[in-house]
Amino acid sequence: MSDPTFSNIDFKNKMALVCTTLKSYFRYHFLHSLALFTVQFSSVPKITAALFIAGQLLFCVPAYSNGLGVVAIDDPKLYAMPFGGTSFMVGWASHAL
């Protein structure tokens, strides 16, 4: 007999969403890690590298922990993600200058 509160279809949909979300996180983390190799060619390499590393710590760690189910969606630790995204944007701007 099946439990009416949990169905196999809901589990498959949830796992598909988790896989899609993690795939997106992995792609952006990979691209920003590759960008760290080109930081040496920017005009201010130390500042640019610090911004990329701060972005990876502040954005990727909460994103991975949320995607893997370690923290819930309403956990205050996820409030660091916008600061990490902003750090990435400022890092790309300093890289372009």
PDB file of N, CA and C in Angstrom:
ATOM      1  N   MET A   1       0.841  -1.174   0.000  1.00  0.00           N
ATOM      2  CA  MET A   1       0.000   0.000   0.000  1.00  0.00           C
ATOM      3  C   MET A   1       0.891   1.245   0.000  1.00  0.00           C
ATOM      4  N   SER A   2       0.517   2.236  -0.791  1.00  0.00           N
ATOM      5  CA  SER A   2       1.365   3.420  -0.907  1.00  0.00           C
ATOM      6  C   SER A   2       0.929   4.507   0.067  1.00  0.00           C
ATOM      7  N   ASP A   3       1.877   5.290   0.445  1.00  0.00           N
ATOM      8  CA  ASP A   3       1.636   6.401   1.353  1.00  0.00           C
ATOM      9  C   ASP A   3       1.139   7.591   0.532  1.00  0.00           C
ATOM     10  N   PRO A   4      -0.004   8.171   0.865  1.00  0.00           N
ATOM     11  CA  PRO A   4      -0.539   9.271   0.062  1.00  0.00           C
ATOM     12  C   PRO A   4       0.270  10.565   0.196  1.00  0.00           C
ATOM     13  N   THR A   5       1.092  10.705   1.224  1.00  0.00           N
ATOM     14  CA  THR A   5       1.850  11.942   1.384  1.00  0.00           C
ATOM     15  C   THR A   5       3.150  11.928   0.608  1.00  0.00           C
ATOM     16  N   PHE A   6       3.580  10.786   0.139  1.00  0.00           N
ATOM     17  CA  PHE A   6       4.848  10.692  -0.584  1.00  0.00           C
ATOM     18  C   PHE A   6       4.656   9.814  -1.803  1.00  0.00           C
ATOM     19  N   SER A   7       4.892  10.360  -2.944  1.00  0.00           N
ATOM     20  CA  SER A   7       4.753   9.557  -4.160  1.00  0.00           C
ATOM     21  C   SER A   7       6.086   9.489  -4.881  1.00  0.00           C
ATOM     22  N   ASN A   8       6.233   8.476  -5.686  1.00  0.00           N
ATOM     23  CA  ASN A   8       7.454   8.269  -6.441  1.00  0.00           C
ATOM     24  C   ASN A   8       7.660   9.385  -7.460  1.00  0.00           C
ATOM     25  N   ILE A   9       6.591   9.924  -8.011  1.00  0.00           N
ATOM     26  CA  ILE A   9       6.695  10.996  -9.000  1.00  0.00           C
ATOM     27  C   ILE A   9       7.263  12.255  -8.355  1.00  0.00           C
ATOM     28  N   ASP A  10       6.821  12.590  -7.143  1.00  0.00           N
ATOM     29  CA  ASP A  10       7.347  13.760  -6.456  1.00  0.00           C
ATOM     30  C   ASP A  10       8.841  13.602  -6.197  1.00  0.00           C
ATOM     31  N   PHE A  11       9.260  12.395  -5.831  1.00  0.00           N
ATOM     32  CA  PHE A  11      10.670  12.154  -5.570  1.00  0.00           C
ATOM     33  C   PHE A  11      11.489  12.326  -6.847  1.00  0.00           C
ATOM     34  N   LYS A  12      10.991  11.816  -7.965  1.00  0.00           N
ATOM     35  CA  LYS A  12      11.712  11.949  -9.238  1.00  0.00           C
ATOM     36  C   LYS A  12      11.801  13.411  -9.662  1.00  0.00           C
ATOM     37  N   ASN A  13      10.729  14.165  -9.504  1.00  0.00           N
ATOM     38  CA  ASN A  13      10.749  15.581  -9.849  1.00  0.00           C
ATOM     39  C   ASN A  13      11.713  16.354  -8.961  1.00  0.00           C
ATOM     40  N   LYS A  14      11.729  16.019  -7.679  1.00  0.00           N
ATOM     41  CA  LYS A  14      12.630  16.706  -6.756  1.00  0.00           C
ATOM     42  C   LYS A  14      14.082  16.382  -7.091  1.00  0.00           C
ATOM     43  N   MET A  15      14.378  15.137  -7.396  1.00  0.00           N
ATOM     44  CA  MET A  15      15.747  14.756  -7.733  1.00  0.00           C
ATOM     45  C   MET A  15      16.184  15.389  -9.051  1.00  0.00           C
ATOM     46  N   ALA A  16      15.278  15.514 -10.003  1.00  0.00           N
ATOM     47  CA  ALA A  16      15.611  16.173 -11.268  1.00  0.00           C
ATOM     48  C   ALA A  16      15.931  17.644 -11.040  1.00  0.00           C
ATOM     49  N   LEU A  17      15.177  18.297 -10.171  1.00  0.00           N
ATOM     50  CA  LEU A  17      15.437  19.696  -9.846  1.00  0.00           C
ATOM     51  C   LEU A  17      16.773  19.849  -9.134  1.00  0.00           C
ATOM     52  N   VAL A  18      17.062  18.956  -8.194  1.00  0.00           N
ATOM     53  CA  VAL A  18      18.340  19.008  -7.472  1.00  0.00           C
ATOM     54  C   VAL A  18      19.497  18.802  -8.436  1.00  0.00           C
ATOM     55  N   CYS A  19      19.375  17.849  -9.346  1.00  0.00           N
ATOM     56  CA  CYS A  19      20.441  17.586 -10.324  1.00  0.00           C
ATOM     57  C   CYS A  19      20.650  18.781 -11.247  1.00  0.00           C
ATOM     58  N   THR A  20      19.582  19.404 -11.688  1.00  0.00           N
ATOM     59  CA  THR A  20      19.690  20.578 -12.550  1.00  0.00           C
ATOM     60  C   THR A  20      20.337  21.734 -11.804  1.00  0.00           C
ATOM     61  N   THR A  21      19.949  21.931 -10.558  1.00  0.00           N
ATOM     62  CA  THR A  21      20.508  23.008  -9.753  1.00  0.00           C
ATOM     63  C   THR A  21      21.992  22.785  -9.508  1.00  0.00           C
ATOM     64  N   LEU A  22      22.372  21.578  -9.124  1.00  0.00           N
ATOM     65  CA  LEU A  22      23.782  21.295  -8.865  1.00  0.00           C
ATOM     66  C   LEU A  22      24.615  21.403 -10.136  1.00  0.00           C
ATOM     67  N   LYS A  23      24.054  21.013 -11.266  1.00  0.00           N
ATOM     68  CA  LYS A  23      24.776  21.128 -12.535  1.00  0.00           C
ATOM     69  C   LYS A  23      25.076  22.595 -12.848  1.00  0.00           C
ATOM     70  N   SER A  24      24.118  23.459 -12.545  1.00  0.00           N
ATOM     71  CA  SER A  24      24.327  24.896 -12.738  1.00  0.00           C
ATOM     72  C   SER A  24      25.406  25.415 -11.790  1.00  0.00           C
ATOM     73  N   TYR A  25      25.357  24.997 -10.528  1.00  0.00           N
ATOM     74  CA  TYR A  25      26.383  25.410  -9.554  1.00  0.00           C
ATOM     75  C   TYR A  25      27.760  24.954 -10.003  1.00  0.00           C
ATOM     76  N   PHE A  26      27.895  23.715 -10.459  1.00  0.00           N
ATOM     77  CA  PHE A  26      29.184  23.178 -10.891  1.00  0.00           C
ATOM     78  C   PHE A  26      29.736  23.958 -12.084  1.00  0.00           C
ATOM     79  N   ARG A  27      28.859  24.296 -13.037  1.00  0.00           N
ATOM     80  CA  ARG A  27      29.299  25.015 -14.224  1.00  0.00           C
ATOM     81  C   ARG A  27      29.860  26.383 -13.858  1.00  0.00           C
ATOM     82  N   TYR A  28      29.125  27.138 -13.023  1.00  0.00           N
ATOM     83  CA  TYR A  28      29.598  28.475 -12.664  1.00  0.00           C
ATOM     84  C   TYR A  28      30.834  28.422 -11.779  1.00  0.00           C
ATOM     85  N   HIS A  29      30.913  27.459 -10.905  1.00  0.00           N
ATOM     86  CA  HIS A  29      32.105  27.312 -10.073  1.00  0.00           C
ATOM     87  C   HIS A  29      33.308  27.004 -10.958  1.00  0.00           C
ATOM     88  N   PHE A  30      33.142  26.134 -11.941  1.00  0.00           N
ATOM     89  CA  PHE A  30      34.220  25.793 -12.854  1.00  0.00           C
ATOM     90  C   PHE A  30      34.680  27.016 -13.650  1.00  0.00           C
ATOM     91  N   LEU A  31      33.729  27.799 -14.162  1.00  0.00           N
ATOM     92  CA  LEU A  31      34.093  28.975 -14.949  1.00  0.00           C
ATOM     93  C   LEU A  31      34.830  30.017 -14.111  1.00  0.00           C
ATOM     94  N   HIS A  32      34.394  30.224 -12.883  1.00  0.00           N
ATOM     95  CA  HIS A  32      35.079  31.193 -12.029  1.00  0.00           C
ATOM     96  C   HIS A  32      36.432  30.664 -11.570  1.00  0.00           C
ATOM     97  N   SER A  33      36.575  29.363 -11.437  1.00  0.00           N
ATOM     98  CA  SER A  33      37.883  28.794 -11.112  1.00  0.00           C
ATOM     99  C   SER A  33      38.845  28.973 -12.282  1.00  0.00           C
ATOM    100  N   LEU A  34      38.361  28.800 -13.495  1.00  0.00           N
ATOM    101  CA  LEU A  34      39.203  29.062 -14.668  1.00  0.00           C
ATOM    102  C   LEU A  34      39.602  30.534 -14.753  1.00  0.00           C
ATOM    103  N   ALA A  35      38.695  31.406 -14.366  1.00  0.00           N
ATOM    104  CA  ALA A  35      38.997  32.836 -14.397  1.00  0.00           C
ATOM    105  C   ALA A  35      40.129  33.179 -13.430  1.00  0.00           C
ATOM    106  N   LEU A  36      40.280  32.404 -12.359  1.00  0.00           N
ATOM    107  CA  LEU A  36      41.376  32.659 -11.425  1.00  0.00           C
ATOM    108  C   LEU A  36      42.732  32.479 -12.096  1.00  0.00           C
ATOM    109  N   PHE A  37      42.815  31.619 -13.112  1.00  0.00           N
ATOM    110  CA  PHE A  37      44.075  31.430 -13.813  1.00  0.00           C
ATOM    111  C   PHE A  37      44.447  32.638 -14.676  1.00  0.00           C
ATOM    112  N   THR A  38      43.468  33.423 -15.082  1.00  0.00           N
ATOM    113  CA  THR A  38      43.737  34.589 -15.916  1.00  0.00           C
ATOM    114  C   THR A  38      43.860  35.876 -15.106  1.00  0.00           C
ATOM    115  N   VAL A  39      43.744  35.785 -13.809  1.00  0.00           N
ATOM    116  CA  VAL A  39      43.817  36.971 -12.952  1.00  0.00           C
ATOM    117  C   VAL A  39      45.186  37.637 -13.045  1.00  0.00           C
ATOM    118  N   GLN A  40      46.206  36.880 -13.302  1.00  0.00           N
ATOM    119  CA  GLN A  40      47.558  37.432 -13.364  1.00  0.00           C
ATOM    120  C   GLN A  40      47.717  38.469 -14.473  1.00  0.00           C
ATOM    121  N   PHE A  41      46.818  38.469 -15.455  1.00  0.00           N
ATOM    122  CA  PHE A  41      46.898  39.413 -16.554  1.00  0.00           C
ATOM    123  C   PHE A  41      46.082  40.680 -16.315  1.00  0.00           C
ATOM    124  N   SER A  42      45.391  40.770 -15.198  1.00  0.00           N
ATOM    125  CA  SER A  42      44.612  41.980 -14.918  1.00  0.00           C
ATOM    126  C   SER A  42      45.533  43.065 -14.362  1.00  0.00           C
ATOM    127  N   SER A  43      45.020  44.286 -14.310  1.00  0.00           N
ATOM    128  CA  SER A  43      45.847  45.406 -13.842  1.00  0.00           C
ATOM    129  C   SER A  43      46.056  45.374 -12.323  1.00  0.00           C
ATOM    130  N   VAL A  44      45.115  44.810 -11.598  1.00  0.00           N
ATOM    131  CA  VAL A  44      45.236  44.675 -10.134  1.00  0.00           C
ATOM    132  C   VAL A  44      44.990  43.204  -9.759  1.00  0.00           C
ATOM    133  N   PRO A  45      45.980  42.349  -9.945  1.00  0.00           N
ATOM    134  CA  PRO A  45      45.739  40.909  -9.782  1.00  0.00           C
ATOM    135  C   PRO A  45      45.402  40.478  -8.353  1.00  0.00           C
ATOM    136  N   LYS A  46      45.987  41.122  -7.354  1.00  0.00           N
ATOM    137  CA  LYS A  46      45.716  40.696  -5.967  1.00  0.00           C
ATOM    138  C   LYS A  46      44.279  41.004  -5.564  1.00  0.00           C
ATOM    139  N   ILE A  47      43.797  42.155  -5.947  1.00  0.00           N
ATOM    140  CA  ILE A  47      42.419  42.533  -5.611  1.00  0.00           C
ATOM    141  C   ILE A  47      41.433  41.660  -6.375  1.00  0.00           C
ATOM    142  N   THR A  48      41.718  41.424  -7.652  1.00  0.00           N
ATOM    143  CA  THR A  48      40.830  40.594  -8.467  1.00  0.00           C
ATOM    144  C   THR A  48      40.780  39.168  -7.934  1.00  0.00           C
ATOM    145  N   ALA A  49      41.932  38.621  -7.575  1.00  0.00           N
ATOM    146  CA  ALA A  49      41.968  37.257  -7.025  1.00  0.00           C
ATOM    147  C   ALA A  49      41.226  37.184  -5.700  1.00  0.00           C
ATOM    148  N   ALA A  50      41.390  38.194  -4.857  1.00  0.00           N
ATOM    149  CA  ALA A  50      40.688  38.207  -3.569  1.00  0.00           C
ATOM    150  C   ALA A  50      39.177  38.263  -3.768  1.00  0.00           C
ATOM    151  N   LEU A  51      38.731  39.035  -4.750  1.00  0.00           N
ATOM    152  CA  LEU A  51      37.295  39.134  -5.013  1.00  0.00           C
ATOM    153  C   LEU A  51      36.733  37.822  -5.546  1.00  0.00           C
ATOM    154  N   PHE A  52      37.470  37.146  -6.429  1.00  0.00           N
ATOM    155  CA  PHE A  52      37.008  35.852  -6.944  1.00  0.00           C
ATOM    156  C   PHE A  52      36.973  34.794  -5.847  1.00  0.00           C
ATOM    157  N   ILE A  53      37.983  34.783  -5.000  1.00  0.00           N
ATOM    158  CA  ILE A  53      38.009  33.792  -3.916  1.00  0.00           C
ATOM    159  C   ILE A  53      36.899  34.068  -2.915  1.00  0.00           C
ATOM    160  N   ALA A  54      36.690  35.343  -2.582  1.00  0.00           N
ATOM    161  CA  ALA A  54      35.586  35.687  -1.679  1.00  0.00           C
ATOM    162  C   ALA A  54      34.247  35.312  -2.302  1.00  0.00           C
ATOM    163  N   GLY A  55      34.114  35.522  -3.592  1.00  0.00           N
ATOM    164  CA  GLY A  55      32.880  35.146  -4.285  1.00  0.00           C
ATOM    165  C   GLY A  55      32.640  33.648  -4.237  1.00  0.00           C
ATOM    166  N   GLN A  56      33.705  32.872  -4.423  1.00  0.00           N
ATOM    167  CA  GLN A  56      33.548  31.421  -4.364  1.00  0.00           C
ATOM    168  C   GLN A  56      33.178  30.959  -2.960  1.00  0.00           C
ATOM    169  N   LEU A  57      33.771  31.570  -1.967  1.00  0.00           N
ATOM    170  CA  LEU A  57      33.437  31.167  -0.596  1.00  0.00           C
ATOM    171  C   LEU A  57      32.029  31.604  -0.201  1.00  0.00           C
ATOM    172  N   LEU A  58      31.683  32.838  -0.534  1.00  0.00           N
ATOM    173  CA  LEU A  58      30.390  33.369  -0.096  1.00  0.00           C
ATOM    174  C   LEU A  58      29.218  32.903  -0.949  1.00  0.00           C
ATOM    175  N   PHE A  59      29.472  32.550  -2.203  1.00  0.00           N
ATOM    176  CA  PHE A  59      28.381  32.111  -3.058  1.00  0.00           C
ATOM    177  C   PHE A  59      28.315  30.591  -3.171  1.00  0.00           C
ATOM    178  N   CYS A  60      29.439  29.967  -3.464  1.00  0.00           N
ATOM    179  CA  CYS A  60      29.416  28.538  -3.780  1.00  0.00           C
ATOM    180  C   CYS A  60      29.179  27.651  -2.559  1.00  0.00           C
ATOM    181  N   VAL A  61      29.751  27.987  -1.421  1.00  0.00           N
ATOM    182  CA  VAL A  61      29.564  27.138  -0.232  1.00  0.00           C
ATOM    183  C   VAL A  61      28.096  27.087   0.191  1.00  0.00           C
ATOM    184  N   PRO A  62      27.404  28.234   0.325  1.00  0.00           N
ATOM    185  CA  PRO A  62      25.973  28.131   0.649  1.00  0.00           C
ATOM    186  C   PRO A  62      25.148  27.474  -0.457  1.00  0.00           C
ATOM    187  N   ALA A  63      25.531  27.704  -1.714  1.00  0.00           N
ATOM    188  CA  ALA A  63      24.773  27.099  -2.817  1.00  0.00           C
ATOM    189  C   ALA A  63      24.912  25.581  -2.800  1.00  0.00           C
ATOM    190  N   TYR A  64      26.133  25.088  -2.621  1.00  0.00           N
ATOM    191  CA  TYR A  64      26.334  23.638  -2.570  1.00  0.00           C
ATOM    192  C   TYR A  64      25.640  23.024  -1.359  1.00  0.00           C
ATOM    193  N   SER A  65      25.750  23.681  -0.213  1.00  0.00           N
ATOM    194  CA  SER A  65      25.119  23.116   0.978  1.00  0.00           C
ATOM    195  C   SER A  65      23.598  23.112   0.850  1.00  0.00           C
ATOM    196  N   ASN A  66      23.035  24.093   0.159  1.00  0.00           N
ATOM    197  CA  ASN A  66      21.600  24.087  -0.083  1.00  0.00           C
ATOM    198  C   ASN A  66      21.236  23.015  -1.095  1.00  0.00           C
ATOM    199  N   GLY A  67      22.008  22.917  -2.169  1.00  0.00           N
ATOM    200  CA  GLY A  67      21.720  21.930  -3.200  1.00  0.00           C
ATOM    201  C   GLY A  67      21.849  20.502  -2.714  1.00  0.00           C
ATOM    202  N   LEU A  68      22.766  20.267  -1.805  1.00  0.00           N
ATOM    203  CA  LEU A  68      22.946  18.920  -1.262  1.00  0.00           C
ATOM    204  C   LEU A  68      22.030  18.632  -0.081  1.00  0.00           C
ATOM    205  N   GLY A  69      21.251  19.621   0.331  1.00  0.00           N
ATOM    206  CA  GLY A  69      20.289  19.406   1.404  1.00  0.00           C
ATOM    207  C   GLY A  69      20.861  19.537   2.798  1.00  0.00           C
ATOM    208  N   VAL A  70      22.053  20.125   2.913  1.00  0.00           N
ATOM    209  CA  VAL A  70      22.666  20.292   4.234  1.00  0.00           C
ATOM    210  C   VAL A  70      21.975  21.407   5.013  1.00  0.00           C
ATOM    211  N   VAL A  71      21.617  22.481   4.326  1.00  0.00           N
ATOM    212  CA  VAL A  71      20.885  23.576   4.966  1.00  0.00           C
ATOM    213  C   VAL A  71      19.546  23.753   4.248  1.00  0.00           C
ATOM    214  N   ALA A  72      18.572  24.206   4.975  1.00  0.00           N
ATOM    215  CA  ALA A  72      17.235  24.436   4.414  1.00  0.00           C
ATOM    216  C   ALA A  72      17.203  25.763   3.665  1.00  0.00           C
ATOM    217  N   ILE A  73      16.177  25.950   2.873  1.00  0.00           N
ATOM    218  CA  ILE A  73      16.059  27.151   2.048  1.00  0.00           C
ATOM    219  C   ILE A  73      15.870  28.408   2.895  1.00  0.00           C
ATOM    220  N   ASP A  74      15.366  28.274   4.115  1.00  0.00           N
ATOM    221  CA  ASP A  74      15.150  29.438   4.967  1.00  0.00           C
ATOM    222  C   ASP A  74      16.264  29.631   5.994  1.00  0.00           C
ATOM    223  N   ASP A  75      17.400  28.964   5.814  1.00  0.00           N
ATOM    224  CA  ASP A  75      18.529  29.078   6.731  1.00  0.00           C
ATOM    225  C   ASP A  75      19.229  30.428   6.531  1.00  0.00           C
ATOM    226  N   PRO A  76      19.561  31.136   7.608  1.00  0.00           N
ATOM    227  CA  PRO A  76      20.235  32.439   7.478  1.00  0.00           C
ATOM    228  C   PRO A  76      21.610  32.368   6.821  1.00  0.00           C
ATOM    229  N   LYS A  77      22.220  31.193   6.776  1.00  0.00           N
ATOM    230  CA  LYS A  77      23.529  31.070   6.124  1.00  0.00           C
ATOM    231  C   LYS A  77      23.446  31.383   4.638  1.00  0.00           C
ATOM    232  N   LEU A  78      22.268  31.236   4.050  1.00  0.00           N
ATOM    233  CA  LEU A  78      22.104  31.501   2.627  1.00  0.00           C
ATOM    234  C   LEU A  78      22.097  32.992   2.310  1.00  0.00           C
ATOM    235  N   TYR A  79      22.033  33.843   3.334  1.00  0.00           N
ATOM    236  CA  TYR A  79      22.064  35.281   3.095  1.00  0.00           C
ATOM    237  C   TYR A  79      23.426  35.746   2.590  1.00  0.00           C
ATOM    238  N   ALA A  80      24.441  34.897   2.658  1.00  0.00           N
ATOM    239  CA  ALA A  80      25.769  35.253   2.154  1.00  0.00           C
ATOM    240  C   ALA A  80      25.832  35.182   0.634  1.00  0.00           C
ATOM    241  N   MET A  81      24.904  34.475   0.010  1.00  0.00           N
ATOM    242  CA  MET A  81      24.964  34.277  -1.440  1.00  0.00           C
ATOM    243  C   MET A  81      24.922  35.582  -2.244  1.00  0.00           C
ATOM    244  N   PRO A  82      24.077  36.556  -1.927  1.00  0.00           N
ATOM    245  CA  PRO A  82      24.106  37.805  -2.703  1.00  0.00           C
ATOM    246  C   PRO A  82      25.432  38.549  -2.586  1.00  0.00           C
ATOM    247  N   PHE A  83      26.078  38.463  -1.422  1.00  0.00           N
ATOM    248  CA  PHE A  83      27.383  39.110  -1.258  1.00  0.00           C
ATOM    249  C   PHE A  83      28.441  38.408  -2.108  1.00  0.00           C
ATOM    250  N   GLY A  84      28.338  37.095  -2.221  1.00  0.00           N
ATOM    251  CA  GLY A  84      29.246  36.350  -3.080  1.00  0.00           C
ATOM    252  C   GLY A  84      29.033  36.676  -4.544  1.00  0.00           C
ATOM    253  N   GLY A  85      27.773  36.792  -4.956  1.00  0.00           N
ATOM    254  CA  GLY A  85      27.476  37.168  -6.334  1.00  0.00           C
ATOM    255  C   GLY A  85      27.973  38.569  -6.666  1.00  0.00           C
ATOM    256  N   THR A  86      27.806  39.480  -5.713  1.00  0.00           N
ATOM    257  CA  THR A  86      28.315  40.834  -5.894  1.00  0.00           C
ATOM    258  C   THR A  86      29.832  40.832  -5.973  1.00  0.00           C
ATOM    259  N   SER A  87      30.465  40.010  -5.164  1.00  0.00           N
ATOM    260  CA  SER A  87      31.916  39.893  -5.204  1.00  0.00           C
ATOM    261  C   SER A  87      32.385  39.377  -6.558  1.00  0.00           C
ATOM    262  N   PHE A  88      31.658  38.419  -7.120  1.00  0.00           N
ATOM    263  CA  PHE A  88      31.982  37.936  -8.467  1.00  0.00           C
ATOM    264  C   PHE A  88      31.862  39.065  -9.489  1.00  0.00           C
ATOM    265  N   MET A  89      30.788  39.840  -9.424  1.00  0.00           N
ATOM    266  CA  MET A  89      30.584  40.912 -10.400  1.00  0.00           C
ATOM    267  C   MET A  89      31.674  41.980 -10.299  1.00  0.00           C
ATOM    268  N   VAL A  90      32.038  42.368  -9.076  1.00  0.00           N
ATOM    269  CA  VAL A  90      33.091  43.349  -8.891  1.00  0.00           C
ATOM    270  C   VAL A  90      34.426  42.763  -9.331  1.00  0.00           C
ATOM    271  N   GLY A  91      34.624  41.472  -9.083  1.00  0.00           N
ATOM    272  CA  GLY A  91      35.846  40.804  -9.532  1.00  0.00           C
ATOM    273  C   GLY A  91      35.972  40.810 -11.042  1.00  0.00           C
ATOM    274  N   TRP A  92      34.855  40.531 -11.747  1.00  0.00           N
ATOM    275  CA  TRP A  92      34.890  40.582 -13.210  1.00  0.00           C
ATOM    276  C   TRP A  92      35.133  41.997 -13.701  1.00  0.00           C
ATOM    277  N   ALA A  93      34.559  42.981 -13.015  1.00  0.00           N
ATOM    278  CA  ALA A  93      34.784  44.380 -13.422  1.00  0.00           C
ATOM    279  C   ALA A  93      36.240  44.778 -13.220  1.00  0.00           C
ATOM    280  N   SER A  94      36.842  44.376 -12.098  1.00  0.00           N
ATOM    281  CA  SER A  94      38.249  44.696 -11.880  1.00  0.00           C
ATOM    282  C   SER A  94      39.153  43.915 -12.828  1.00  0.00           C
ATOM    283  N   HIS A  95      38.691  42.761 -13.270  1.00  0.00           N
ATOM    284  CA  HIS A  95      39.452  41.960 -14.229  1.00  0.00           C
ATOM    285  C   HIS A  95      39.442  42.646 -15.604  1.00  0.00           C
ATOM    286  N   ALA A  96      38.342  43.255 -15.936  1.00  0.00           N
ATOM    287  CA  ALA A  96      38.210  43.900 -17.249  1.00  0.00           C
ATOM    288  C   ALA A  96      38.945  45.236 -17.335  1.00  0.00           C
ATOM    289  N   LEU A  97      39.203  45.862 -16.198  1.00  0.00           N
ATOM    290  CA  LEU A  97      39.858  47.180 -16.231  1.00  0.00           C
ATOM    291  C   LEU A  97      41.327  47.087 -16.436  1.00  0.00           C
TER     292      LEU A  97
END
